[in-house]
Amino acid sequence: QERKKEWMKGHVSIEAFEPGPIRAGSTAKLTIKEGGKLSVYDERILEWDPPRSLRTAVTSPKMKSMEMECYHRLEEQAGTTRLLFAYECRTTSVVFKLLGGLFGFFAEFQARSFMRR
């Protein structure tokens, strides 16, 4: 989890909601600096396979109707390590569903801007 700071532009902190080792089902508060402002998200670990992969569900207290599922995987490739990242957004909001194509475009743009190269 802490290595996200190396991969994710703007990552400020991650604070576990409960004590103990990280595992599938663990929850945390994720703070990211976006556009000069701090944004706080709730994160739940769906899959935990260190050091190879991490899959999380992320929600914002400001937009409870939307959940973003993020998948990080480290793979060896030609003598180096490559980070693969994929995400999927789900919503119960009719407005977001109607504007899904446009929102998807901007979400992809924003997600790519957060990932370090």
PDB file of N, CA and C in Angstrom:
ATOM      1  N   GLN A   1       0.821  -1.191   0.000  1.00  0.00           N
ATOM      2  CA  GLN A   1       0.000   0.000   0.000  1.00  0.00           C
ATOM      3  C   GLN A   1       0.867   1.257   0.000  1.00  0.00           C
ATOM      4  N   GLU A   2       1.873   1.299   0.856  1.00  0.00           N
ATOM      5  CA  GLU A   2       2.706   2.499   0.957  1.00  0.00           C
ATOM      6  C   GLU A   2       3.477   2.770  -0.339  1.00  0.00           C
ATOM      7  N   ARG A   3       3.709   1.749  -1.151  1.00  0.00           N
ATOM      8  CA  ARG A   3       4.436   1.955  -2.412  1.00  0.00           C
ATOM      9  C   ARG A   3       3.616   2.750  -3.413  1.00  0.00           C
ATOM     10  N   LYS A   4       2.316   2.933  -3.146  1.00  0.00           N
ATOM     11  CA  LYS A   4       1.493   3.740  -4.044  1.00  0.00           C
ATOM     12  C   LYS A   4       2.079   5.136  -4.218  1.00  0.00           C
ATOM     13  N   LYS A   5       2.778   5.636  -3.214  1.00  0.00           N
ATOM     14  CA  LYS A   5       3.381   6.966  -3.309  1.00  0.00           C
ATOM     15  C   LYS A   5       4.377   7.020  -4.468  1.00  0.00           C
ATOM     16  N   GLU A   6       5.005   5.890  -4.762  1.00  0.00           N
ATOM     17  CA  GLU A   6       5.953   5.832  -5.871  1.00  0.00           C
ATOM     18  C   GLU A   6       5.231   5.807  -7.214  1.00  0.00           C
ATOM     19  N   TRP A   7       4.016   5.264  -7.235  1.00  0.00           N
ATOM     20  CA  TRP A   7       3.302   5.052  -8.499  1.00  0.00           C
ATOM     21  C   TRP A   7       2.301   6.145  -8.813  1.00  0.00           C
ATOM     22  N   MET A   8       1.781   6.780  -7.793  1.00  0.00           N
ATOM     23  CA  MET A   8       0.626   7.647  -7.968  1.00  0.00           C
ATOM     24  C   MET A   8       0.962   9.102  -7.678  1.00  0.00           C
ATOM     25  N   LYS A   9       0.883   9.929  -8.677  1.00  0.00           N
ATOM     26  CA  LYS A   9       1.121  11.352  -8.526  1.00  0.00           C
ATOM     27  C   LYS A   9       0.058  11.942  -7.593  1.00  0.00           C
ATOM     28  N   GLY A  10       0.486  12.742  -6.644  1.00  0.00           N
ATOM     29  CA  GLY A  10      -0.448  13.397  -5.740  1.00  0.00           C
ATOM     30  C   GLY A  10      -0.817  12.596  -4.507  1.00  0.00           C
ATOM     31  N   HIS A  11      -0.348  11.350  -4.413  1.00  0.00           N
ATOM     32  CA  HIS A  11      -0.667  10.514  -3.248  1.00  0.00           C
ATOM     33  C   HIS A  11      -0.041  11.153  -2.011  1.00  0.00           C
ATOM     34  N   VAL A  12      -0.872  11.484  -1.021  1.00  0.00           N
ATOM     35  CA  VAL A  12      -0.392  12.127   0.196  1.00  0.00           C
ATOM     36  C   VAL A  12      -0.283  11.125   1.337  1.00  0.00           C
ATOM     37  N   SER A  13      -1.366  10.397   1.604  1.00  0.00           N
ATOM     38  CA  SER A  13      -1.318   9.450   2.723  1.00  0.00           C
ATOM     39  C   SER A  13      -2.399   8.386   2.585  1.00  0.00           C
ATOM     40  N   ILE A  14      -2.209   7.337   3.353  1.00  0.00           N
ATOM     41  CA  ILE A  14      -3.221   6.297   3.477  1.00  0.00           C
ATOM     42  C   ILE A  14      -3.230   5.874   4.943  1.00  0.00           C
ATOM     43  N   GLU A  15      -4.425   5.922   5.556  1.00  0.00           N
ATOM     44  CA  GLU A  15      -4.562   5.611   6.972  1.00  0.00           C
ATOM     45  C   GLU A  15      -5.590   4.502   7.147  1.00  0.00           C
ATOM     46  N   ALA A  16      -5.154   3.396   7.735  1.00  0.00           N
ATOM     47  CA  ALA A  16      -6.044   2.250   7.957  1.00  0.00           C
ATOM     48  C   ALA A  16      -7.145   2.621   8.946  1.00  0.00           C
ATOM     49  N   PHE A  17      -8.359   2.130   8.695  1.00  0.00           N
ATOM     50  CA  PHE A  17      -9.475   2.347   9.617  1.00  0.00           C
ATOM     51  C   PHE A  17      -9.427   1.379  10.791  1.00  0.00           C
ATOM     52  N   GLU A  18      -8.775   0.235  10.589  1.00  0.00           N
ATOM     53  CA  GLU A  18      -8.700  -0.752  11.667  1.00  0.00           C
ATOM     54  C   GLU A  18      -7.253  -1.221  11.827  1.00  0.00           C
ATOM     55  N   PRO A  19      -6.877  -1.622  13.051  1.00  0.00           N
ATOM     56  CA  PRO A  19      -5.508  -2.087  13.277  1.00  0.00           C
ATOM     57  C   PRO A  19      -5.303  -3.488  12.694  1.00  0.00           C
ATOM     58  N   GLY A  20      -4.058  -3.886  12.612  1.00  0.00           N
ATOM     59  CA  GLY A  20      -3.745  -5.234  12.159  1.00  0.00           C
ATOM     60  C   GLY A  20      -3.147  -5.253  10.777  1.00  0.00           C
ATOM     61  N   PRO A  21      -2.794  -6.443  10.318  1.00  0.00           N
ATOM     62  CA  PRO A  21      -2.156  -6.574   9.000  1.00  0.00           C
ATOM     63  C   PRO A  21      -3.136  -6.258   7.865  1.00  0.00           C
ATOM     64  N   ILE A  22      -2.581  -5.802   6.758  1.00  0.00           N
ATOM     65  CA  ILE A  22      -3.389  -5.520   5.561  1.00  0.00           C
ATOM     66  C   ILE A  22      -3.829  -6.842   4.966  1.00  0.00           C
ATOM     67  N   ARG A  23      -5.085  -6.927   4.560  1.00  0.00           N
ATOM     68  CA  ARG A  23      -5.642  -8.137   3.954  1.00  0.00           C
ATOM     69  C   ARG A  23      -6.856  -7.745   3.127  1.00  0.00           C
ATOM     70  N   ALA A  24      -7.366  -8.679   2.341  1.00  0.00           N
ATOM     71  CA  ALA A  24      -8.616  -8.436   1.619  1.00  0.00           C
ATOM     72  C   ALA A  24      -9.678  -8.094   2.655  1.00  0.00           C
ATOM     73  N   GLY A  25     -10.421  -7.037   2.412  1.00  0.00           N
ATOM     74  CA  GLY A  25     -11.434  -6.572   3.354  1.00  0.00           C
ATOM     75  C   GLY A  25     -10.979  -5.387   4.188  1.00  0.00           C
ATOM     76  N   SER A  26      -9.672  -5.122   4.255  1.00  0.00           N
ATOM     77  CA  SER A  26      -9.164  -3.974   5.005  1.00  0.00           C
ATOM     78  C   SER A  26      -9.684  -2.681   4.376  1.00  0.00           C
ATOM     79  N   THR A  27      -9.900  -1.671   5.220  1.00  0.00           N
ATOM     80  CA  THR A  27     -10.374  -0.372   4.729  1.00  0.00           C
ATOM     81  C   THR A  27      -9.438   0.725   5.210  1.00  0.00           C
ATOM     82  N   ALA A  28      -9.406   1.818   4.454  1.00  0.00           N
ATOM     83  CA  ALA A  28      -8.508   2.922   4.782  1.00  0.00           C
ATOM     84  C   ALA A  28      -9.034   4.227   4.207  1.00  0.00           C
ATOM     85  N   LYS A  29      -8.470   5.324   4.714  1.00  0.00           N
ATOM     86  CA  LYS A  29      -8.739   6.658   4.175  1.00  0.00           C
ATOM     87  C   LYS A  29      -7.553   7.027   3.299  1.00  0.00           C
ATOM     88  N   LEU A  30      -7.809   7.331   2.048  1.00  0.00           N
ATOM     89  CA  LEU A  30      -6.789   7.669   1.058  1.00  0.00           C
ATOM     90  C   LEU A  30      -6.875   9.165   0.782  1.00  0.00           C
ATOM     91  N   THR A  31      -5.756   9.876   0.937  1.00  0.00           N
ATOM     92  CA  THR A  31      -5.727  11.315   0.673  1.00  0.00           C
ATOM     93  C   THR A  31      -4.825  11.572  -0.527  1.00  0.00           C
ATOM     94  N   ILE A  32      -5.371  12.313  -1.499  1.00  0.00           N
ATOM     95  CA  ILE A  32      -4.666  12.619  -2.746  1.00  0.00           C
ATOM     96  C   ILE A  32      -4.765  14.120  -2.995  1.00  0.00           C
ATOM     97  N   LYS A  33      -3.692  14.707  -3.488  1.00  0.00           N
ATOM     98  CA  LYS A  33      -3.717  16.112  -3.867  1.00  0.00           C
ATOM     99  C   LYS A  33      -4.097  16.183  -5.340  1.00  0.00           C
ATOM    100  N   GLU A  34      -5.282  16.746  -5.604  1.00  0.00           N
ATOM    101  CA  GLU A  34      -5.807  16.855  -6.969  1.00  0.00           C
ATOM    102  C   GLU A  34      -6.068  18.320  -7.284  1.00  0.00           C
ATOM    103  N   GLY A  35      -5.455  18.818  -8.332  1.00  0.00           N
ATOM    104  CA  GLY A  35      -5.693  20.205  -8.714  1.00  0.00           C
ATOM    105  C   GLY A  35      -5.382  21.196  -7.612  1.00  0.00           C
ATOM    106  N   GLY A  36      -4.365  20.910  -6.797  1.00  0.00           N
ATOM    107  CA  GLY A  36      -3.965  21.801  -5.725  1.00  0.00           C
ATOM    108  C   GLY A  36      -4.772  21.655  -4.447  1.00  0.00           C
ATOM    109  N   LYS A  37      -5.799  20.793  -4.451  1.00  0.00           N
ATOM    110  CA  LYS A  37      -6.635  20.584  -3.264  1.00  0.00           C
ATOM    111  C   LYS A  37      -6.510  19.147  -2.784  1.00  0.00           C
ATOM    112  N   LEU A  38      -6.669  18.953  -1.476  1.00  0.00           N
ATOM    113  CA  LEU A  38      -6.655  17.609  -0.922  1.00  0.00           C
ATOM    114  C   LEU A  38      -8.032  16.976  -1.077  1.00  0.00           C
ATOM    115  N   SER A  39      -8.067  15.765  -1.599  1.00  0.00           N
ATOM    116  CA  SER A  39      -9.300  14.991  -1.732  1.00  0.00           C
ATOM    117  C   SER A  39      -9.151  13.730  -0.911  1.00  0.00           C
ATOM    118  N   VAL A  40     -10.217  13.359  -0.225  1.00  0.00           N
ATOM    119  CA  VAL A  40     -10.196  12.184   0.645  1.00  0.00           C
ATOM    120  C   VAL A  40     -11.150  11.132   0.091  1.00  0.00           C
ATOM    121  N   TYR A  41     -10.698   9.890   0.049  1.00  0.00           N
ATOM    122  CA  TYR A  41     -11.481   8.775  -0.468  1.00  0.00           C
ATOM    123  C   TYR A  41     -11.479   7.632   0.547  1.00  0.00           C
ATOM    124  N   ASP A  42     -12.512   6.822   0.498  1.00  0.00           N
ATOM    125  CA  ASP A  42     -12.558   5.583   1.277  1.00  0.00           C
ATOM    126  C   ASP A  42     -12.097   4.463   0.360  1.00  0.00           C
ATOM    127  N   GLU A  43     -11.187   3.640   0.850  1.00  0.00           N
ATOM    128  CA  GLU A  43     -10.634   2.549   0.048  1.00  0.00           C
ATOM    129  C   GLU A  43     -10.847   1.221   0.774  1.00  0.00           C
ATOM    130  N   ARG A  44     -11.275   0.216   0.018  1.00  0.00           N
ATOM    131  CA  ARG A  44     -11.463  -1.133   0.552  1.00  0.00           C
ATOM    132  C   ARG A  44     -10.641  -2.077  -0.302  1.00  0.00           C
ATOM    133  N   ILE A  45      -9.830  -2.916   0.331  1.00  0.00           N
ATOM    134  CA  ILE A  45      -9.001  -3.855  -0.418  1.00  0.00           C
ATOM    135  C   ILE A  45      -9.847  -5.064  -0.796  1.00  0.00           C
ATOM    136  N   LEU A  46      -9.895  -5.337  -2.091  1.00  0.00           N
ATOM    137  CA  LEU A  46     -10.645  -6.477  -2.615  1.00  0.00           C
ATOM    138  C   LEU A  46      -9.744  -7.692  -2.795  1.00  0.00           C
ATOM    139  N   GLU A  47      -8.501  -7.438  -3.214  1.00  0.00           N
ATOM    140  CA  GLU A  47      -7.521  -8.502  -3.465  1.00  0.00           C
ATOM    141  C   GLU A  47      -6.167  -8.008  -2.978  1.00  0.00           C
ATOM    142  N   TRP A  48      -5.457  -8.834  -2.231  1.00  0.00           N
ATOM    143  CA  TRP A  48      -4.166  -8.432  -1.666  1.00  0.00           C
ATOM    144  C   TRP A  48      -3.186  -9.575  -1.884  1.00  0.00           C
ATOM    145  N   ASP A  49      -2.250  -9.414  -2.809  1.00  0.00           N
ATOM    146  CA  ASP A  49      -1.278 -10.451  -3.122  1.00  0.00           C
ATOM    147  C   ASP A  49       0.110  -9.821  -3.249  1.00  0.00           C
ATOM    148  N   PRO A  50       0.677  -9.341  -2.107  1.00  0.00           N
ATOM    149  CA  PRO A  50       1.985  -8.686  -2.189  1.00  0.00           C
ATOM    150  C   PRO A  50       3.078  -9.684  -2.548  1.00  0.00           C
ATOM    151  N   PRO A  51       4.056  -9.298  -3.308  1.00  0.00           N
ATOM    152  CA  PRO A  51       4.240  -7.975  -3.893  1.00  0.00           C
ATOM    153  C   PRO A  51       3.716  -7.881  -5.325  1.00  0.00           C
ATOM    154  N   ARG A  52       2.866  -8.807  -5.730  1.00  0.00           N
ATOM    155  CA  ARG A  52       2.451  -8.860  -7.133  1.00  0.00           C
ATOM    156  C   ARG A  52       1.252  -7.999  -7.495  1.00  0.00           C
ATOM    157  N   SER A  53       0.180  -8.013  -6.679  1.00  0.00           N
ATOM    158  CA  SER A  53      -1.024  -7.304  -7.120  1.00  0.00           C
ATOM    159  C   SER A  53      -1.844  -6.752  -5.966  1.00  0.00           C
ATOM    160  N   LEU A  54      -2.654  -5.773  -6.314  1.00  0.00           N
ATOM    161  CA  LEU A  54      -3.542  -5.111  -5.376  1.00  0.00           C
ATOM    162  C   LEU A  54      -4.785  -4.666  -6.149  1.00  0.00           C
ATOM    163  N   ARG A  55      -5.962  -5.020  -5.640  1.00  0.00           N
ATOM    164  CA  ARG A  55      -7.219  -4.565  -6.254  1.00  0.00           C
ATOM    165  C   ARG A  55      -8.035  -3.894  -5.162  1.00  0.00           C
ATOM    166  N   THR A  56      -8.478  -2.664  -5.427  1.00  0.00           N
ATOM    167  CA  THR A  56      -9.202  -1.894  -4.421  1.00  0.00           C
ATOM    168  C   THR A  56     -10.491  -1.322  -4.991  1.00  0.00           C
ATOM    169  N   ALA A  57     -11.422  -1.013  -4.094  1.00  0.00           N
ATOM    170  CA  ALA A  57     -12.640  -0.274  -4.438  1.00  0.00           C
ATOM    171  C   ALA A  57     -12.521   1.069  -3.740  1.00  0.00           C
ATOM    172  N   VAL A  58     -12.684   2.156  -4.490  1.00  0.00           N
ATOM    173  CA  VAL A  58     -12.499   3.504  -3.964  1.00  0.00           C
ATOM    174  C   VAL A  58     -13.793   4.289  -4.150  1.00  0.00           C
ATOM    175  N   THR A  59     -14.234   4.951  -3.065  1.00  0.00           N
ATOM    176  CA  THR A  59     -15.414   5.817  -3.131  1.00  0.00           C
ATOM    177  C   THR A  59     -15.072   7.156  -2.491  1.00  0.00           C
ATOM    178  N   SER A  60     -15.808   8.167  -2.908  1.00  0.00           N
ATOM    179  CA  SER A  60     -15.652   9.495  -2.345  1.00  0.00           C
ATOM    180  C   SER A  60     -16.851   9.807  -1.465  1.00  0.00           C
ATOM    181  N   PRO A  61     -16.611  10.344  -0.277  1.00  0.00           N
ATOM    182  CA  PRO A  61     -17.743  10.755   0.549  1.00  0.00           C
ATOM    183  C   PRO A  61     -18.630  11.786  -0.156  1.00  0.00           C
ATOM    184  N   LYS A  62     -18.065  12.509  -1.122  1.00  0.00           N
ATOM    185  CA  LYS A  62     -18.825  13.521  -1.858  1.00  0.00           C
ATOM    186  C   LYS A  62     -19.683  12.912  -2.960  1.00  0.00           C
ATOM    187  N   MET A  63     -19.319  11.713  -3.446  1.00  0.00           N
ATOM    188  CA  MET A  63     -20.070  11.042  -4.514  1.00  0.00           C
ATOM    189  C   MET A  63     -20.256   9.576  -4.153  1.00  0.00           C
ATOM    190  N   LYS A  64     -21.082   9.299  -3.183  1.00  0.00           N
ATOM    191  CA  LYS A  64     -21.307   7.934  -2.697  1.00  0.00           C
ATOM    192  C   LYS A  64     -21.909   7.027  -3.765  1.00  0.00           C
ATOM    193  N   SER A  65     -22.550   7.608  -4.786  1.00  0.00           N
ATOM    194  CA  SER A  65     -23.210   6.789  -5.804  1.00  0.00           C
ATOM    195  C   SER A  65     -22.233   6.216  -6.831  1.00  0.00           C
ATOM    196  N   MET A  66     -20.952   6.593  -6.729  1.00  0.00           N
ATOM    197  CA  MET A  66     -19.971   6.096  -7.690  1.00  0.00           C
ATOM    198  C   MET A  66     -18.849   5.361  -6.966  1.00  0.00           C
ATOM    199  N   GLU A  67     -18.448   4.225  -7.523  1.00  0.00           N
ATOM    200  CA  GLU A  67     -17.327   3.456  -6.995  1.00  0.00           C
ATOM    201  C   GLU A  67     -16.352   3.180  -8.131  1.00  0.00           C
ATOM    202  N   MET A  68     -15.072   3.350  -7.846  1.00  0.00           N
ATOM    203  CA  MET A  68     -14.038   3.054  -8.830  1.00  0.00           C
ATOM    204  C   MET A  68     -13.251   1.858  -8.319  1.00  0.00           C
ATOM    205  N   GLU A  69     -13.163   0.819  -9.142  1.00  0.00           N
ATOM    206  CA  GLU A  69     -12.374  -0.349  -8.796  1.00  0.00           C
ATOM    207  C   GLU A  69     -11.037  -0.236  -9.525  1.00  0.00           C
ATOM    208  N   CYS A  70      -9.953  -0.290  -8.759  1.00  0.00           N
ATOM    209  CA  CYS A  70      -8.602  -0.123  -9.312  1.00  0.00           C
ATOM    210  C   CYS A  70      -7.804  -1.410  -9.149  1.00  0.00           C
ATOM    211  N   TYR A  71      -7.037  -1.741 -10.163  1.00  0.00           N
ATOM    212  CA  TYR A  71      -6.218  -2.953 -10.141  1.00  0.00           C
ATOM    213  C   TYR A  71      -4.787  -2.576 -10.475  1.00  0.00           C
ATOM    214  N   HIS A  72      -3.855  -2.903  -9.587  1.00  0.00           N
ATOM    215  CA  HIS A  72      -2.417  -2.681  -9.784  1.00  0.00           C
ATOM    216  C   HIS A  72      -1.730  -4.034  -9.820  1.00  0.00           C
ATOM    217  N   ARG A  73      -0.864  -4.228 -10.798  1.00  0.00           N
ATOM    218  CA  ARG A  73      -0.105  -5.486 -10.882  1.00  0.00           C
ATOM    219  C   ARG A  73       1.318  -5.176 -11.322  1.00  0.00           C
ATOM    220  N   LEU A  74       2.276  -5.770 -10.625  1.00  0.00           N
ATOM    221  CA  LEU A  74       3.687  -5.646 -10.996  1.00  0.00           C
ATOM    222  C   LEU A  74       4.089  -6.874 -11.794  1.00  0.00           C
ATOM    223  N   GLU A  75       4.743  -6.651 -12.929  1.00  0.00           N
ATOM    224  CA  GLU A  75       5.196  -7.761 -13.771  1.00  0.00           C
ATOM    225  C   GLU A  75       6.635  -7.535 -14.203  1.00  0.00           C
ATOM    226  N   GLU A  76       7.396  -8.611 -14.191  1.00  0.00           N
ATOM    227  CA  GLU A  76       8.758  -8.566 -14.721  1.00  0.00           C
ATOM    228  C   GLU A  76       8.677  -8.489 -16.235  1.00  0.00           C
ATOM    229  N   GLN A  77       9.482  -7.589 -16.820  1.00  0.00           N
ATOM    230  CA  GLN A  77       9.463  -7.451 -18.268  1.00  0.00           C
ATOM    231  C   GLN A  77      10.835  -6.975 -18.740  1.00  0.00           C
ATOM    232  N   ALA A  78      11.519  -7.824 -19.471  1.00  0.00           N
ATOM    233  CA  ALA A  78      12.828  -7.506 -20.055  1.00  0.00           C
ATOM    234  C   ALA A  78      13.799  -6.950 -19.017  1.00  0.00           C
ATOM    235  N   GLY A  79      13.908  -7.619 -17.870  1.00  0.00           N
ATOM    236  CA  GLY A  79      14.865  -7.218 -16.856  1.00  0.00           C
ATOM    237  C   GLY A  79      14.441  -6.043 -15.995  1.00  0.00           C
ATOM    238  N   THR A  80      13.222  -5.584 -16.145  1.00  0.00           N
ATOM    239  CA  THR A  80      12.730  -4.475 -15.332  1.00  0.00           C
ATOM    240  C   THR A  80      11.329  -4.824 -14.816  1.00  0.00           C
ATOM    241  N   THR A  81      10.791  -4.000 -13.974  1.00  0.00           N
ATOM    242  CA  THR A  81       9.446  -4.238 -13.447  1.00  0.00           C
ATOM    243  C   THR A  81       8.496  -3.219 -14.040  1.00  0.00           C
ATOM    244  N   ARG A  82       7.345  -3.693 -14.490  1.00  0.00           N
ATOM    245  CA  ARG A  82       6.344  -2.821 -15.092  1.00  0.00           C
ATOM    246  C   ARG A  82       5.088  -2.834 -14.228  1.00  0.00           C
ATOM    247  N   LEU A  83       4.521  -1.653 -14.020  1.00  0.00           N
ATOM    248  CA  LEU A  83       3.270  -1.533 -13.286  1.00  0.00           C
ATOM    249  C   LEU A  83       2.119  -1.490 -14.282  1.00  0.00           C
ATOM    250  N   LEU A  84       1.211  -2.442 -14.161  1.00  0.00           N
ATOM    251  CA  LEU A  84       0.007  -2.441 -14.977  1.00  0.00           C
ATOM    252  C   LEU A  84      -1.129  -1.910 -14.122  1.00  0.00           C
ATOM    253  N   PHE A  85      -1.936  -1.013 -14.672  1.00  0.00           N
ATOM    254  CA  PHE A  85      -3.029  -0.398 -13.931  1.00  0.00           C
ATOM    255  C   PHE A  85      -4.290  -0.444 -14.773  1.00  0.00           C
ATOM    256  N   ALA A  86      -5.375  -0.866 -14.169  1.00  0.00           N
ATOM    257  CA  ALA A  86      -6.678  -0.868 -14.847  1.00  0.00           C
ATOM    258  C   ALA A  86      -7.713  -0.397 -13.836  1.00  0.00           C
ATOM    259  N   TYR A  87      -8.798   0.172 -14.319  1.00  0.00           N
ATOM    260  CA  TYR A  87      -9.846   0.613 -13.420  1.00  0.00           C
ATOM    261  C   TYR A  87     -11.202   0.495 -14.100  1.00  0.00           C
ATOM    262  N   GLU A  88     -12.225   0.496 -13.280  1.00  0.00           N
ATOM    263  CA  GLU A  88     -13.602   0.424 -13.769  1.00  0.00           C
ATOM    264  C   GLU A  88     -14.450   1.282 -12.840  1.00  0.00           C
ATOM    265  N   CYS A  89     -15.338   2.085 -13.410  1.00  0.00           N
ATOM    266  CA  CYS A  89     -16.233   2.919 -12.603  1.00  0.00           C
ATOM    267  C   CYS A  89     -17.642   2.354 -12.665  1.00  0.00           C
ATOM    268  N   ARG A  90     -18.291   2.325 -11.499  1.00  0.00           N
ATOM    269  CA  ARG A  90     -19.688   1.891 -11.413  1.00  0.00           C
ATOM    270  C   ARG A  90     -20.474   2.976 -10.688  1.00  0.00           C
ATOM    271  N   THR A  91     -21.736   3.134 -11.090  1.00  0.00           N
ATOM    272  CA  THR A  91     -22.563   4.151 -10.447  1.00  0.00           C
ATOM    273  C   THR A  91     -24.026   3.729 -10.409  1.00  0.00           C
ATOM    274  N   THR A  92     -24.737   4.263  -9.427  1.00  0.00           N
ATOM    275  CA  THR A  92     -26.193   4.080  -9.361  1.00  0.00           C
ATOM    276  C   THR A  92     -26.896   5.366  -9.780  1.00  0.00           C
ATOM    277  N   SER A  93     -26.139   6.414 -10.068  1.00  0.00           N
ATOM    278  CA  SER A  93     -26.696   7.710 -10.444  1.00  0.00           C
ATOM    279  C   SER A  93     -27.161   7.709 -11.897  1.00  0.00           C
ATOM    280  N   VAL A  94     -28.389   8.085 -12.121  1.00  0.00           N
ATOM    281  CA  VAL A  94     -28.946   8.170 -13.475  1.00  0.00           C
ATOM    282  C   VAL A  94     -28.185   9.215 -14.283  1.00  0.00           C
ATOM    283  N   VAL A  95     -27.828  10.320 -13.655  1.00  0.00           N
ATOM    284  CA  VAL A  95     -27.092  11.385 -14.351  1.00  0.00           C
ATOM    285  C   VAL A  95     -25.746  10.859 -14.839  1.00  0.00           C
ATOM    286  N   PHE A  96     -25.003  10.162 -13.966  1.00  0.00           N
ATOM    287  CA  PHE A  96     -23.711   9.614 -14.381  1.00  0.00           C
ATOM    288  C   PHE A  96     -23.875   8.568 -15.468  1.00  0.00           C
ATOM    289  N   LYS A  97     -24.929   7.777 -15.390  1.00  0.00           N
ATOM    290  CA  LYS A  97     -25.163   6.776 -16.431  1.00  0.00           C
ATOM    291  C   LYS A  97     -25.410   7.434 -17.776  1.00  0.00           C
ATOM    292  N   LEU A  98     -26.178   8.521 -17.787  1.00  0.00           N
ATOM    293  CA  LEU A  98     -26.458   9.232 -19.039  1.00  0.00           C
ATOM    294  C   LEU A  98     -25.211   9.897 -19.613  1.00  0.00           C
ATOM    295  N   LEU A  99     -24.361  10.361 -18.724  1.00  0.00           N
ATOM    296  CA  LEU A  99     -23.140  11.042 -19.159  1.00  0.00           C
ATOM    297  C   LEU A  99     -21.919  10.118 -19.108  1.00  0.00           C
ATOM    298  N   GLY A 100     -22.163   8.807 -19.045  1.00  0.00           N
ATOM    299  CA  GLY A 100     -21.101   7.817 -18.872  1.00  0.00           C
ATOM    300  C   GLY A 100     -19.954   7.922 -19.856  1.00  0.00           C
ATOM    301  N   GLY A 101     -20.261   8.087 -21.131  1.00  0.00           N
ATOM    302  CA  GLY A 101     -19.199   8.167 -22.137  1.00  0.00           C
ATOM    303  C   GLY A 101     -18.281   9.348 -21.899  1.00  0.00           C
ATOM    304  N   LEU A 102     -18.874  10.494 -21.661  1.00  0.00           N
ATOM    305  CA  LEU A 102     -18.090  11.698 -21.411  1.00  0.00           C
ATOM    306  C   LEU A 102     -17.313  11.576 -20.106  1.00  0.00           C
ATOM    307  N   PHE A 103     -17.973  11.095 -19.076  1.00  0.00           N
ATOM    308  CA  PHE A 103     -17.320  10.926 -17.780  1.00  0.00           C
ATOM    309  C   PHE A 103     -16.172   9.926 -17.889  1.00  0.00           C
ATOM    310  N   GLY A 104     -16.391   8.829 -18.618  1.00  0.00           N
ATOM    311  CA  GLY A 104     -15.345   7.821 -18.804  1.00  0.00           C
ATOM    312  C   GLY A 104     -14.099   8.402 -19.442  1.00  0.00           C
ATOM    313  N   PHE A 105     -14.299   9.265 -20.434  1.00  0.00           N
ATOM    314  CA  PHE A 105     -13.175   9.912 -21.107  1.00  0.00           C
ATOM    315  C   PHE A 105     -12.368  10.744 -20.116  1.00  0.00           C
ATOM    316  N   PHE A 106     -13.053  11.573 -19.333  1.00  0.00           N
ATOM    317  CA  PHE A 106     -12.358  12.425 -18.375  1.00  0.00           C
ATOM    318  C   PHE A 106     -11.741  11.621 -17.232  1.00  0.00           C
ATOM    319  N   ALA A 107     -12.418  10.554 -16.788  1.00  0.00           N
ATOM    320  CA  ALA A 107     -11.874   9.707 -15.724  1.00  0.00           C
ATOM    321  C   ALA A 107     -10.582   9.042 -16.195  1.00  0.00           C
ATOM    322  N   GLU A 108     -10.561   8.577 -17.439  1.00  0.00           N
ATOM    323  CA  GLU A 108      -9.345   7.957 -17.966  1.00  0.00           C
ATOM    324  C   GLU A 108      -8.221   8.978 -18.046  1.00  0.00           C
ATOM    325  N   PHE A 109      -8.542  10.170 -18.527  1.00  0.00           N
ATOM    326  CA  PHE A 109      -7.540  11.239 -18.613  1.00  0.00           C
ATOM    327  C   PHE A 109      -6.971  11.544 -17.231  1.00  0.00           C
ATOM    328  N   GLN A 110      -7.849  11.667 -16.220  1.00  0.00           N
ATOM    329  CA  GLN A 110      -7.412  11.973 -14.867  1.00  0.00           C
ATOM    330  C   GLN A 110      -6.594  10.821 -14.285  1.00  0.00           C
ATOM    331  N   ALA A 111      -7.042   9.592 -14.467  1.00  0.00           N
ATOM    332  CA  ALA A 111      -6.312   8.438 -13.942  1.00  0.00           C
ATOM    333  C   ALA A 111      -4.914   8.367 -14.554  1.00  0.00           C
ATOM    334  N   ARG A 112      -4.817   8.609 -15.851  1.00  0.00           N
ATOM    335  CA  ARG A 112      -3.501   8.572 -16.504  1.00  0.00           C
ATOM    336  C   ARG A 112      -2.596   9.683 -15.975  1.00  0.00           C
ATOM    337  N   SER A 113      -3.180  10.844 -15.668  1.00  0.00           N
ATOM    338  CA  SER A 113      -2.355  11.954 -15.177  1.00  0.00           C
ATOM    339  C   SER A 113      -1.813  11.660 -13.779  1.00  0.00           C
ATOM    340  N   PHE A 114      -2.497  10.794 -13.003  1.00  0.00           N
ATOM    341  CA  PHE A 114      -2.035  10.467 -11.660  1.00  0.00           C
ATOM    342  C   PHE A 114      -0.921   9.439 -11.665  1.00  0.00           C
ATOM    343  N   MET A 115      -0.841   8.629 -12.704  1.00  0.00           N
ATOM    344  CA  MET A 115       0.150   7.558 -12.723  1.00  0.00           C
ATOM    345  C   MET A 115       1.498   8.110 -13.194  1.00  0.00           C
ATOM    346  N   ARG A 116       2.522   7.827 -12.439  1.00  0.00           N
ATOM    347  CA  ARG A 116       3.871   8.265 -12.813  1.00  0.00           C
ATOM    348  C   ARG A 116       4.398   7.366 -13.925  1.00  0.00           C
ATOM    349  N   ARG A 117       5.214   7.916 -14.742  1.00  0.00           N
ATOM    350  CA  ARG A 117       5.820   7.144 -15.828  1.00  0.00           C
ATOM    351  C   ARG A 117       7.218   6.735 -15.448  1.00  0.00           C
TER     352      ARG A 117
END
